[in-house]
Amino acid sequence: MKAPLLLCSALLLSACQSTPATETLYIKSQLADCIGVAPMKCMQVRGQPGESWSFFYQQIEGFTFESGYNYELEVSKEQLTDVPADASSVRYQLIKVVSKQADR
């Protein structure tokens, strides 16, 4: 009798976790001054060529930014739950570097 109950509980818990979404991010070649909790340097990103750049206050797990290069990245974006108030509720992880081009 306990086994079906445990199985149902496990299924319910797994259904509550978010499935990571895949998206493309374009990263500008230079970091910019921005202010989070304190002044810092942020990557500048956009979702499509031609869009305005916006500050990216987080890190992308598995990605190391190198100044002087524009990047196109494929990343997974996962919504997190039960995070501390000063932490991000979104986790970005590198899937692949689509392109890395020197800024001219």
C-alpha atoms as a PDB file:
ATOM      1  CA  MET A   1       0.000   0.000   0.000  1.00  0.00           C
ATOM      2  CA  LYS A   2       2.905   2.387   0.690  1.00  0.00           C
ATOM      3  CA  ALA A   3       4.578   1.849  -2.705  1.00  0.00           C
ATOM      4  CA  PRO A   4       1.709   3.374  -4.775  1.00  0.00           C
ATOM      5  CA  LEU A   5       1.569   6.326  -2.371  1.00  0.00           C
ATOM      6  CA  LEU A   6       5.323   6.924  -2.712  1.00  0.00           C
ATOM      7  CA  LEU A   7       5.100   6.667  -6.494  1.00  0.00           C
ATOM      8  CA  CYS A   8       2.244   9.191  -6.614  1.00  0.00           C
ATOM      9  CA  SER A   9       4.158  11.568  -4.349  1.00  0.00           C
ATOM     10  CA  ALA A  10       7.267  11.354  -6.542  1.00  0.00           C
ATOM     11  CA  LEU A  11       5.217  12.032  -9.676  1.00  0.00           C
ATOM     12  CA  LEU A  12       3.562  15.050  -8.101  1.00  0.00           C
ATOM     13  CA  LEU A  13       6.907  16.502  -6.988  1.00  0.00           C
ATOM     14  CA  SER A  14       8.471  16.042 -10.421  1.00  0.00           C
ATOM     15  CA  ALA A  15       5.455  17.691 -12.062  1.00  0.00           C
ATOM     16  CA  CYS A  16       5.956  20.805  -9.903  1.00  0.00           C
ATOM     17  CA  GLN A  17       9.518  21.403 -11.106  1.00  0.00           C
ATOM     18  CA  SER A  18       9.852  23.619 -14.133  1.00  0.00           C
ATOM     19  CA  THR A  19      11.218  22.279 -17.385  1.00  0.00           C
ATOM     20  CA  PRO A  20      14.113  24.366 -18.698  1.00  0.00           C
ATOM     21  CA  ALA A  21      13.328  26.383 -21.814  1.00  0.00           C
ATOM     22  CA  THR A  22      15.906  26.859 -24.562  1.00  0.00           C
ATOM     23  CA  GLU A  23      16.662  30.331 -25.872  1.00  0.00           C
ATOM     24  CA  THR A  24      19.258  32.218 -27.867  1.00  0.00           C
ATOM     25  CA  LEU A  25      21.213  35.073 -26.291  1.00  0.00           C
ATOM     26  CA  TYR A  26      23.440  37.523 -28.139  1.00  0.00           C
ATOM     27  CA  ILE A  27      26.251  38.879 -25.944  1.00  0.00           C
ATOM     28  CA  LYS A  28      27.960  42.218 -26.674  1.00  0.00           C
ATOM     29  CA  SER A  29      31.773  42.289 -26.798  1.00  0.00           C
ATOM     30  CA  GLN A  30      32.324  44.579 -23.784  1.00  0.00           C
ATOM     31  CA  LEU A  31      31.064  44.560 -20.203  1.00  0.00           C
ATOM     32  CA  ALA A  32      29.224  47.670 -19.052  1.00  0.00           C
ATOM     33  CA  ASP A  33      28.961  49.463 -15.723  1.00  0.00           C
ATOM     34  CA  CYS A  34      25.701  48.569 -13.995  1.00  0.00           C
ATOM     35  CA  ILE A  35      24.313  48.601 -10.481  1.00  0.00           C
ATOM     36  CA  GLY A  36      22.950  45.502  -8.764  1.00  0.00           C
ATOM     37  CA  VAL A  37      23.319  45.307  -4.996  1.00  0.00           C
ATOM     38  CA  ALA A  38      26.475  47.392  -5.599  1.00  0.00           C
ATOM     39  CA  PRO A  39      28.209  48.831  -8.669  1.00  0.00           C
ATOM     40  CA  MET A  40      29.425  46.022 -10.919  1.00  0.00           C
ATOM     41  CA  LYS A  41      30.174  45.046 -14.517  1.00  0.00           C
ATOM     42  CA  CYS A  42      27.394  43.347 -16.495  1.00  0.00           C
ATOM     43  CA  MET A  43      27.195  41.554 -19.798  1.00  0.00           C
ATOM     44  CA  GLN A  44      24.925  43.233 -22.322  1.00  0.00           C
ATOM     45  CA  VAL A  45      22.489  40.862 -23.997  1.00  0.00           C
ATOM     46  CA  ARG A  46      19.603  40.753 -26.430  1.00  0.00           C
ATOM     47  CA  GLY A  47      17.350  38.024 -27.737  1.00  0.00           C
ATOM     48  CA  GLN A  48      17.381  39.026 -31.417  1.00  0.00           C
ATOM     49  CA  PRO A  49      19.784  40.947 -33.673  1.00  0.00           C
ATOM     50  CA  GLY A  50      18.635  44.555 -33.924  1.00  0.00           C
ATOM     51  CA  GLU A  51      16.998  44.659 -30.479  1.00  0.00           C
ATOM     52  CA  SER A  52      18.284  47.048 -27.835  1.00  0.00           C
ATOM     53  CA  TRP A  53      20.973  45.753 -25.484  1.00  0.00           C
ATOM     54  CA  SER A  54      19.988  45.173 -21.859  1.00  0.00           C
ATOM     55  CA  PHE A  55      22.057  44.474 -18.764  1.00  0.00           C
ATOM     56  CA  PHE A  56      22.410  40.843 -17.718  1.00  0.00           C
ATOM     57  CA  TYR A  57      22.987  40.706 -13.969  1.00  0.00           C
ATOM     58  CA  GLN A  58      23.495  36.953 -13.734  1.00  0.00           C
ATOM     59  CA  GLN A  59      25.993  34.341 -14.759  1.00  0.00           C
ATOM     60  CA  ILE A  60      25.528  31.660 -17.378  1.00  0.00           C
ATOM     61  CA  GLU A  61      26.731  28.362 -15.966  1.00  0.00           C
ATOM     62  CA  GLY A  62      29.417  26.853 -18.198  1.00  0.00           C
ATOM     63  CA  PHE A  63      30.126  30.119 -20.064  1.00  0.00           C
ATOM     64  CA  THR A  64      33.227  32.271 -19.626  1.00  0.00           C
ATOM     65  CA  PHE A  65      32.947  35.752 -21.133  1.00  0.00           C
ATOM     66  CA  GLU A  66      36.015  36.981 -23.031  1.00  0.00           C
ATOM     67  CA  SER A  67      36.144  40.714 -23.722  1.00  0.00           C
ATOM     68  CA  GLY A  68      36.468  41.703 -27.389  1.00  0.00           C
ATOM     69  CA  TYR A  69      34.178  38.989 -28.751  1.00  0.00           C
ATOM     70  CA  ASN A  70      30.496  39.025 -29.681  1.00  0.00           C
ATOM     71  CA  TYR A  71      28.725  35.774 -28.885  1.00  0.00           C
ATOM     72  CA  GLU A  72      25.622  33.944 -29.939  1.00  0.00           C
ATOM     73  CA  LEU A  73      24.735  31.382 -27.281  1.00  0.00           C
ATOM     74  CA  GLU A  74      22.142  28.686 -26.941  1.00  0.00           C
ATOM     75  CA  VAL A  75      21.175  28.471 -23.266  1.00  0.00           C
ATOM     76  CA  SER A  76      18.661  26.720 -21.083  1.00  0.00           C
ATOM     77  CA  LYS A  77      16.587  28.931 -18.816  1.00  0.00           C
ATOM     78  CA  GLU A  78      15.058  27.332 -15.740  1.00  0.00           C
ATOM     79  CA  GLN A  79      12.661  28.938 -13.275  1.00  0.00           C
ATOM     80  CA  LEU A  80      13.746  28.145  -9.699  1.00  0.00           C
ATOM     81  CA  THR A  81      11.577  28.007  -6.602  1.00  0.00           C
ATOM     82  CA  ASP A  82      12.371  28.580  -2.940  1.00  0.00           C
ATOM     83  CA  VAL A  83      15.384  30.822  -3.558  1.00  0.00           C
ATOM     84  CA  PRO A  84      16.692  33.407  -1.070  1.00  0.00           C
ATOM     85  CA  ALA A  85      15.401  36.960  -1.496  1.00  0.00           C
ATOM     86  CA  ASP A  86      18.770  38.225  -2.784  1.00  0.00           C
ATOM     87  CA  ALA A  87      19.225  35.402  -5.326  1.00  0.00           C
ATOM     88  CA  SER A  88      17.890  35.095  -8.856  1.00  0.00           C
ATOM     89  CA  SER A  89      14.884  32.882  -9.459  1.00  0.00           C
ATOM     90  CA  VAL A  90      16.195  31.977 -12.938  1.00  0.00           C
ATOM     91  CA  ARG A  91      19.147  29.732 -13.767  1.00  0.00           C
ATOM     92  CA  TYR A  92      20.903  30.010 -17.133  1.00  0.00           C
ATOM     93  CA  GLN A  93      23.110  27.179 -18.377  1.00  0.00           C
ATOM     94  CA  LEU A  94      25.167  27.097 -21.547  1.00  0.00           C
ATOM     95  CA  ILE A  95      24.085  24.511 -24.086  1.00  0.00           C
ATOM     96  CA  LYS A  96      26.489  25.626 -26.822  1.00  0.00           C
ATOM     97  CA  VAL A  97      28.389  28.587 -28.230  1.00  0.00           C
ATOM     98  CA  VAL A  98      26.783  29.061 -31.642  1.00  0.00           C
ATOM     99  CA  SER A  99      29.299  31.724 -32.684  1.00  0.00           C
ATOM    100  CA  LYS A 100      32.187  33.747 -31.241  1.00  0.00           C
ATOM    101  CA  GLN A 101      33.368  36.623 -33.421  1.00  0.00           C
ATOM    102  CA  ALA A 102      36.047  39.230 -32.730  1.00  0.00           C
ATOM    103  CA  ASP A 103      34.618  42.753 -32.458  1.00  0.00           C
ATOM    104  CA  ARG A 104      36.021  44.969 -35.218  1.00  0.00           C
END
